[in-house]
Amino acid sequence: MSNAKIITQLEEILEADAGTLSESTSLDSLDTWDSLAVISFIAYVSDEFDHVLSGDDLRDAKTVGDLIALVNAGSAA
């Protein structure tokens, strides 16, 4: 899946307007990046990529690009 599609899905999870996120967007700057969003993102990655992200993986992620890298690393494994 392309990075753009992952970003689009993340915008849906975060209820953000389309086109508002980029790979450089800081997760700390997003008010809606909370525990529910984390769980939703983990479920999305599990369903779409058959890869389970850990809480530790996500805790270390600082940007949307970091999340994409986690998804891509898991789908390459």
PDB file of N, CA and C in Angstrom:
ATOM      1  N   MET A   1       0.848  -1.179   0.000  1.00  0.00           N
ATOM      2  CA  MET A   1       0.000   0.000   0.000  1.00  0.00           C
ATOM      3  C   MET A   1       0.887   1.233   0.000  1.00  0.00           C
ATOM      4  N   SER A   2       0.456   2.232  -0.702  1.00  0.00           N
ATOM      5  CA  SER A   2       1.260   3.450  -0.794  1.00  0.00           C
ATOM      6  C   SER A   2       1.199   4.254   0.503  1.00  0.00           C
ATOM      7  N   ASN A   3       2.221   5.062   0.686  1.00  0.00           N
ATOM      8  CA  ASN A   3       2.263   5.931   1.863  1.00  0.00           C
ATOM      9  C   ASN A   3       1.063   6.863   1.890  1.00  0.00           C
ATOM     10  N   ALA A   4       0.638   7.331   0.725  1.00  0.00           N
ATOM     11  CA  ALA A   4      -0.509   8.244   0.655  1.00  0.00           C
ATOM     12  C   ALA A   4      -1.777   7.565   1.174  1.00  0.00           C
ATOM     13  N   LYS A   5      -1.950   6.289   0.863  1.00  0.00           N
ATOM     14  CA  LYS A   5      -3.136   5.577   1.338  1.00  0.00           C
ATOM     15  C   LYS A   5      -3.087   5.370   2.845  1.00  0.00           C
ATOM     16  N   ILE A   6      -1.903   5.136   3.385  1.00  0.00           N
ATOM     17  CA  ILE A   6      -1.761   5.006   4.834  1.00  0.00           C
ATOM     18  C   ILE A   6      -2.094   6.340   5.496  1.00  0.00           C
ATOM     19  N   ILE A   7      -1.608   7.423   4.924  1.00  0.00           N
ATOM     20  CA  ILE A   7      -1.908   8.751   5.472  1.00  0.00           C
ATOM     21  C   ILE A   7      -3.404   9.023   5.401  1.00  0.00           C
ATOM     22  N   THR A   8      -4.037   8.674   4.299  1.00  0.00           N
ATOM     23  CA  THR A   8      -5.485   8.875   4.163  1.00  0.00           C
ATOM     24  C   THR A   8      -6.235   8.100   5.243  1.00  0.00           C
ATOM     25  N   GLN A   9      -5.831   6.871   5.496  1.00  0.00           N
ATOM     26  CA  GLN A   9      -6.480   6.079   6.535  1.00  0.00           C
ATOM     27  C   GLN A   9      -6.241   6.685   7.913  1.00  0.00           C
ATOM     28  N   LEU A  10      -5.035   7.173   8.131  1.00  0.00           N
ATOM     29  CA  LEU A  10      -4.725   7.816   9.405  1.00  0.00           C
ATOM     30  C   LEU A  10      -5.563   9.077   9.588  1.00  0.00           C
ATOM     31  N   GLU A  11      -5.784   9.832   8.519  1.00  0.00           N
ATOM     32  CA  GLU A  11      -6.653  11.014   8.600  1.00  0.00           C
ATOM     33  C   GLU A  11      -8.069  10.603   8.990  1.00  0.00           C
ATOM     34  N   GLU A  12      -8.536   9.492   8.466  1.00  0.00           N
ATOM     35  CA  GLU A  12      -9.873   9.003   8.842  1.00  0.00           C
ATOM     36  C   GLU A  12      -9.908   8.612  10.308  1.00  0.00           C
ATOM     37  N   ILE A  13      -8.899   7.895  10.762  1.00  0.00           N
ATOM     38  CA  ILE A  13      -8.839   7.487  12.173  1.00  0.00           C
ATOM     39  C   ILE A  13      -8.846   8.710  13.078  1.00  0.00           C
ATOM     40  N   LEU A  14      -8.099   9.727  12.689  1.00  0.00           N
ATOM     41  CA  LEU A  14      -7.957  10.934  13.511  1.00  0.00           C
ATOM     42  C   LEU A  14      -9.061  11.961  13.271  1.00  0.00           C
ATOM     43  N   GLU A  15      -9.959  11.639  12.332  1.00  0.00           N
ATOM     44  CA  GLU A  15     -11.040  12.548  11.955  1.00  0.00           C
ATOM     45  C   GLU A  15     -10.473  13.906  11.527  1.00  0.00           C
ATOM     46  N   ALA A  16      -9.367  13.842  10.789  1.00  0.00           N
ATOM     47  CA  ALA A  16      -8.717  15.051  10.274  1.00  0.00           C
ATOM     48  C   ALA A  16      -9.188  15.291   8.845  1.00  0.00           C
ATOM     49  N   ASP A  17      -9.165  16.527   8.427  1.00  0.00           N
ATOM     50  CA  ASP A  17      -9.521  16.857   7.047  1.00  0.00           C
ATOM     51  C   ASP A  17      -8.528  16.212   6.092  1.00  0.00           C
ATOM     52  N   ALA A  18      -9.035  15.794   4.950  1.00  0.00           N
ATOM     53  CA  ALA A  18      -8.189  15.187   3.930  1.00  0.00           C
ATOM     54  C   ALA A  18      -7.086  16.149   3.526  1.00  0.00           C
ATOM     55  N   GLY A  19      -5.886  15.624   3.400  1.00  0.00           N
ATOM     56  CA  GLY A  19      -4.760  16.427   2.976  1.00  0.00           C
ATOM     57  C   GLY A  19      -4.078  17.221   4.072  1.00  0.00           C
ATOM     58  N   THR A  20      -4.487  17.030   5.315  1.00  0.00           N
ATOM     59  CA  THR A  20      -3.899  17.823   6.398  1.00  0.00           C
ATOM     60  C   THR A  20      -2.663  17.184   7.010  1.00  0.00           C
ATOM     61  N   LEU A  21      -2.474  15.891   6.791  1.00  0.00           N
ATOM     62  CA  LEU A  21      -1.314  15.214   7.361  1.00  0.00           C
ATOM     63  C   LEU A  21      -0.257  14.988   6.283  1.00  0.00           C
ATOM     64  N   SER A  22       0.986  14.987   6.716  1.00  0.00           N
ATOM     65  CA  SER A  22       2.106  14.634   5.842  1.00  0.00           C
ATOM     66  C   SER A  22       3.050  13.762   6.664  1.00  0.00           C
ATOM     67  N   GLU A  23       4.035  13.214   6.014  1.00  0.00           N
ATOM     68  CA  GLU A  23       4.979  12.358   6.727  1.00  0.00           C
ATOM     69  C   GLU A  23       5.729  13.121   7.813  1.00  0.00           C
ATOM     70  N   SER A  24       5.858  14.411   7.670  1.00  0.00           N
ATOM     71  CA  SER A  24       6.590  15.208   8.664  1.00  0.00           C
ATOM     72  C   SER A  24       5.707  15.699   9.817  1.00  0.00           C
ATOM     73  N   THR A  25       4.411  15.416   9.773  1.00  0.00           N
ATOM     74  CA  THR A  25       3.512  15.866  10.838  1.00  0.00           C
ATOM     75  C   THR A  25       3.901  15.203  12.158  1.00  0.00           C
ATOM     76  N   SER A  26       4.099  16.015  13.172  1.00  0.00           N
ATOM     77  CA  SER A  26       4.425  15.522  14.507  1.00  0.00           C
ATOM     78  C   SER A  26       3.168  14.956  15.161  1.00  0.00           C
ATOM     79  N   LEU A  27       3.284  13.757  15.712  1.00  0.00           N
ATOM     80  CA  LEU A  27       2.135  13.168  16.394  1.00  0.00           C
ATOM     81  C   LEU A  27       1.751  13.970  17.635  1.00  0.00           C
ATOM     82  N   ASP A  28       2.736  14.577  18.287  1.00  0.00           N
ATOM     83  CA  ASP A  28       2.461  15.406  19.466  1.00  0.00           C
ATOM     84  C   ASP A  28       1.604  16.619  19.135  1.00  0.00           C
ATOM     85  N   SER A  29       1.606  17.038  17.879  1.00  0.00           N
ATOM     86  CA  SER A  29       0.833  18.216  17.479  1.00  0.00           C
ATOM     87  C   SER A  29      -0.633  17.877  17.198  1.00  0.00           C
ATOM     88  N   LEU A  30      -0.981  16.598  17.241  1.00  0.00           N
ATOM     89  CA  LEU A  30      -2.337  16.162  16.909  1.00  0.00           C
ATOM     90  C   LEU A  30      -3.129  15.880  18.181  1.00  0.00           C
ATOM     91  N   ASP A  31      -4.131  16.704  18.436  1.00  0.00           N
ATOM     92  CA  ASP A  31      -4.953  16.515  19.633  1.00  0.00           C
ATOM     93  C   ASP A  31      -5.678  15.178  19.627  1.00  0.00           C
ATOM     94  N   THR A  32      -5.978  14.659  18.438  1.00  0.00           N
ATOM     95  CA  THR A  32      -6.747  13.417  18.343  1.00  0.00           C
ATOM     96  C   THR A  32      -5.866  12.165  18.334  1.00  0.00           C
ATOM     97  N   TRP A  33      -4.534  12.321  18.401  1.00  0.00           N
ATOM     98  CA  TRP A  33      -3.645  11.160  18.522  1.00  0.00           C
ATOM     99  C   TRP A  33      -3.629  10.772  19.995  1.00  0.00           C
ATOM    100  N   ASP A  34      -4.609   9.960  20.358  1.00  0.00           N
ATOM    101  CA  ASP A  34      -4.793   9.537  21.739  1.00  0.00           C
ATOM    102  C   ASP A  34      -4.857   8.018  21.784  1.00  0.00           C
ATOM    103  N   SER A  35      -5.187   7.470  22.944  1.00  0.00           N
ATOM    104  CA  SER A  35      -5.183   6.015  23.098  1.00  0.00           C
ATOM    105  C   SER A  35      -6.175   5.329  22.153  1.00  0.00           C
ATOM    106  N   LEU A  36      -7.310   5.929  21.910  1.00  0.00           N
ATOM    107  CA  LEU A  36      -8.279   5.342  20.979  1.00  0.00           C
ATOM    108  C   LEU A  36      -7.725   5.342  19.556  1.00  0.00           C
ATOM    109  N   ALA A  37      -7.056   6.410  19.161  1.00  0.00           N
ATOM    110  CA  ALA A  37      -6.453   6.473  17.833  1.00  0.00           C
ATOM    111  C   ALA A  37      -5.339   5.435  17.701  1.00  0.00           C
ATOM    112  N   VAL A  38      -4.567   5.258  18.748  1.00  0.00           N
ATOM    113  CA  VAL A  38      -3.490   4.254  18.727  1.00  0.00           C
ATOM    114  C   VAL A  38      -4.081   2.865  18.522  1.00  0.00           C
ATOM    115  N   ILE A  39      -5.122   2.535  19.278  1.00  0.00           N
ATOM    116  CA  ILE A  39      -5.768   1.232  19.138  1.00  0.00           C
ATOM    117  C   ILE A  39      -6.359   1.073  17.740  1.00  0.00           C
ATOM    118  N   SER A  40      -6.987   2.111  17.239  1.00  0.00           N
ATOM    119  CA  SER A  40      -7.562   2.063  15.892  1.00  0.00           C
ATOM    120  C   SER A  40      -6.481   1.860  14.837  1.00  0.00           C
ATOM    121  N   PHE A  41      -5.340   2.518  15.008  1.00  0.00           N
ATOM    122  CA  PHE A  41      -4.243   2.362  14.053  1.00  0.00           C
ATOM    123  C   PHE A  41      -3.664   0.953  14.120  1.00  0.00           C
ATOM    124  N   ILE A  42      -3.502   0.417  15.320  1.00  0.00           N
ATOM    125  CA  ILE A  42      -3.017  -0.954  15.482  1.00  0.00           C
ATOM    126  C   ILE A  42      -3.975  -1.927  14.791  1.00  0.00           C
ATOM    127  N   ALA A  43      -5.282  -1.731  14.977  1.00  0.00           N
ATOM    128  CA  ALA A  43      -6.275  -2.609  14.346  1.00  0.00           C
ATOM    129  C   ALA A  43      -6.224  -2.488  12.834  1.00  0.00           C
ATOM    130  N   TYR A  44      -6.088  -1.280  12.319  1.00  0.00           N
ATOM    131  CA  TYR A  44      -5.992  -1.059  10.881  1.00  0.00           C
ATOM    132  C   TYR A  44      -4.787  -1.801  10.297  1.00  0.00           C
ATOM    133  N   VAL A  45      -3.645  -1.651  10.925  1.00  0.00           N
ATOM    134  CA  VAL A  45      -2.422  -2.296  10.431  1.00  0.00           C
ATOM    135  C   VAL A  45      -2.570  -3.809  10.505  1.00  0.00           C
ATOM    136  N   SER A  46      -3.147  -4.300  11.571  1.00  0.00           N
ATOM    137  CA  SER A  46      -3.358  -5.737  11.707  1.00  0.00           C
ATOM    138  C   SER A  46      -4.277  -6.273  10.620  1.00  0.00           C
ATOM    139  N   ASP A  47      -5.387  -5.585  10.385  1.00  0.00           N
ATOM    140  CA  ASP A  47      -6.353  -6.022   9.376  1.00  0.00           C
ATOM    141  C   ASP A  47      -5.810  -5.904   7.955  1.00  0.00           C
ATOM    142  N   GLU A  48      -5.185  -4.788   7.669  1.00  0.00           N
ATOM    143  CA  GLU A  48      -4.767  -4.495   6.296  1.00  0.00           C
ATOM    144  C   GLU A  48      -3.451  -5.174   5.911  1.00  0.00           C
ATOM    145  N   PHE A  49      -2.544  -5.310   6.888  1.00  0.00           N
ATOM    146  CA  PHE A  49      -1.197  -5.784   6.584  1.00  0.00           C
ATOM    147  C   PHE A  49      -0.839  -7.095   7.285  1.00  0.00           C
ATOM    148  N   ASP A  50      -1.754  -7.595   8.114  1.00  0.00           N
ATOM    149  CA  ASP A  50      -1.509  -8.824   8.868  1.00  0.00           C
ATOM    150  C   ASP A  50      -0.217  -8.717   9.680  1.00  0.00           C
ATOM    151  N   HIS A  51      -0.047  -7.559  10.298  1.00  0.00           N
ATOM    152  CA  HIS A  51       1.141  -7.269  11.109  1.00  0.00           C
ATOM    153  C   HIS A  51       0.663  -6.580  12.383  1.00  0.00           C
ATOM    154  N   VAL A  52       1.153  -7.043  13.519  1.00  0.00           N
ATOM    155  CA  VAL A  52       0.739  -6.459  14.792  1.00  0.00           C
ATOM    156  C   VAL A  52       1.834  -5.529  15.298  1.00  0.00           C
ATOM    157  N   LEU A  53       1.464  -4.280  15.473  1.00  0.00           N
ATOM    158  CA  LEU A  53       2.377  -3.301  16.049  1.00  0.00           C
ATOM    159  C   LEU A  53       2.272  -3.364  17.565  1.00  0.00           C
ATOM    160  N   SER A  54       3.379  -3.145  18.234  1.00  0.00           N
ATOM    161  CA  SER A  54       3.362  -3.133  19.699  1.00  0.00           C
ATOM    162  C   SER A  54       3.217  -1.709  20.214  1.00  0.00           C
ATOM    163  N   GLY A  55       2.818  -1.617  21.444  1.00  0.00           N
ATOM    164  CA  GLY A  55       2.751  -0.310  22.087  1.00  0.00           C
ATOM    165  C   GLY A  55       4.110   0.365  22.116  1.00  0.00           C
ATOM    166  N   ASP A  56       5.172  -0.433  22.301  1.00  0.00           N
ATOM    167  CA  ASP A  56       6.528   0.120  22.303  1.00  0.00           C
ATOM    168  C   ASP A  56       6.880   0.721  20.943  1.00  0.00           C
ATOM    169  N   ASP A  57       6.473   0.021  19.869  1.00  0.00           N
ATOM    170  CA  ASP A  57       6.718   0.549  18.520  1.00  0.00           C
ATOM    171  C   ASP A  57       6.095   1.929  18.382  1.00  0.00           C
ATOM    172  N   LEU A  58       4.848   2.029  18.787  1.00  0.00           N
ATOM    173  CA  LEU A  58       4.124   3.286  18.621  1.00  0.00           C
ATOM    174  C   LEU A  58       4.591   4.363  19.583  1.00  0.00           C
ATOM    175  N   ARG A  59       5.021   3.960  20.755  1.00  0.00           N
ATOM    176  CA  ARG A  59       5.511   4.934  21.738  1.00  0.00           C
ATOM    177  C   ARG A  59       6.744   5.662  21.203  1.00  0.00           C
ATOM    178  N   ASP A  60       7.566   4.960  20.434  1.00  0.00           N
ATOM    179  CA  ASP A  60       8.780   5.562  19.888  1.00  0.00           C
ATOM    180  C   ASP A  60       8.520   6.409  18.643  1.00  0.00           C
ATOM    181  N   ALA A  61       7.360   6.260  18.028  1.00  0.00           N
ATOM    182  CA  ALA A  61       7.027   7.019  16.820  1.00  0.00           C
ATOM    183  C   ALA A  61       6.773   8.480  17.180  1.00  0.00           C
ATOM    184  N   LYS A  62       7.410   9.357  16.432  1.00  0.00           N
ATOM    185  CA  LYS A  62       7.265  10.802  16.691  1.00  0.00           C
ATOM    186  C   LYS A  62       6.502  11.518  15.579  1.00  0.00           C
ATOM    187  N   THR A  63       6.516  10.946  14.376  1.00  0.00           N
ATOM    188  CA  THR A  63       5.873  11.594  13.232  1.00  0.00           C
ATOM    189  C   THR A  63       4.999  10.595  12.479  1.00  0.00           C
ATOM    190  N   VAL A  64       4.177  11.108  11.594  1.00  0.00           N
ATOM    191  CA  VAL A  64       3.381  10.251  10.720  1.00  0.00           C
ATOM    192  C   VAL A  64       4.318   9.368   9.890  1.00  0.00           C
ATOM    193  N   GLY A  65       5.442   9.921   9.466  1.00  0.00           N
ATOM    194  CA  GLY A  65       6.427   9.149   8.711  1.00  0.00           C
ATOM    195  C   GLY A  65       6.965   7.967   9.507  1.00  0.00           C
ATOM    196  N   ASP A  66       7.126   8.154  10.820  1.00  0.00           N
ATOM    197  CA  ASP A  66       7.563   7.043  11.675  1.00  0.00           C
ATOM    198  C   ASP A  66       6.526   5.925  11.676  1.00  0.00           C
ATOM    199  N   LEU A  67       5.245   6.294  11.713  1.00  0.00           N
ATOM    200  CA  LEU A  67       4.184   5.286  11.662  1.00  0.00           C
ATOM    201  C   LEU A  67       4.222   4.528  10.339  1.00  0.00           C
ATOM    202  N   ILE A  68       4.415   5.268   9.256  1.00  0.00           N
ATOM    203  CA  ILE A  68       4.484   4.647   7.928  1.00  0.00           C
ATOM    204  C   ILE A  68       5.672   3.682   7.867  1.00  0.00           C
ATOM    205  N   ALA A  69       6.799   4.091   8.433  1.00  0.00           N
ATOM    206  CA  ALA A  69       7.973   3.221   8.436  1.00  0.00           C
ATOM    207  C   ALA A  69       7.696   1.928   9.204  1.00  0.00           C
ATOM    208  N   LEU A  70       6.962   2.014  10.293  1.00  0.00           N
ATOM    209  CA  LEU A  70       6.595   0.809  11.055  1.00  0.00           C
ATOM    210  C   LEU A  70       5.723  -0.112  10.224  1.00  0.00           C
ATOM    211  N   VAL A  71       4.785   0.463   9.524  1.00  0.00           N
ATOM    212  CA  VAL A  71       3.890  -0.337   8.669  1.00  0.00           C
ATOM    213  C   VAL A  71       4.697  -1.002   7.562  1.00  0.00           C
ATOM    214  N   ASN A  72       5.538  -0.224   6.901  1.00  0.00           N
ATOM    215  CA  ASN A  72       6.330  -0.756   5.799  1.00  0.00           C
ATOM    216  C   ASN A  72       7.332  -1.811   6.268  1.00  0.00           C
ATOM    217  N   ALA A  73       7.909  -1.625   7.439  1.00  0.00           N
ATOM    218  CA  ALA A  73       8.858  -2.601   7.980  1.00  0.00           C
ATOM    219  C   ALA A  73       8.141  -3.918   8.290  1.00  0.00           C
ATOM    220  N   GLY A  74       6.933  -3.811   8.820  1.00  0.00           N
ATOM    221  CA  GLY A  74       6.166  -5.009   9.158  1.00  0.00           C
ATOM    222  C   GLY A  74       5.662  -5.748   7.941  1.00  0.00           C
ATOM    223  N   SER A  75       5.297  -5.006   6.901  1.00  0.00           N
ATOM    224  CA  SER A  75       4.767  -5.661   5.712  1.00  0.00           C
ATOM    225  C   SER A  75       5.886  -6.261   4.871  1.00  0.00           C
ATOM    226  N   ALA A  76       7.125  -5.815   5.107  1.00  0.00           N
ATOM    227  CA  ALA A  76       8.266  -6.373   4.365  1.00  0.00           C
ATOM    228  C   ALA A  76       8.777  -7.652   5.030  1.00  0.00           C
ATOM    229  N   ALA A  77       8.419  -7.832   6.290  1.00  0.00           N
ATOM    230  CA  ALA A  77       8.906  -8.993   7.044  1.00  0.00           C
ATOM    231  C   ALA A  77       8.230 -10.267   6.639  1.00  0.00           C
TER     232      ALA A  77
END
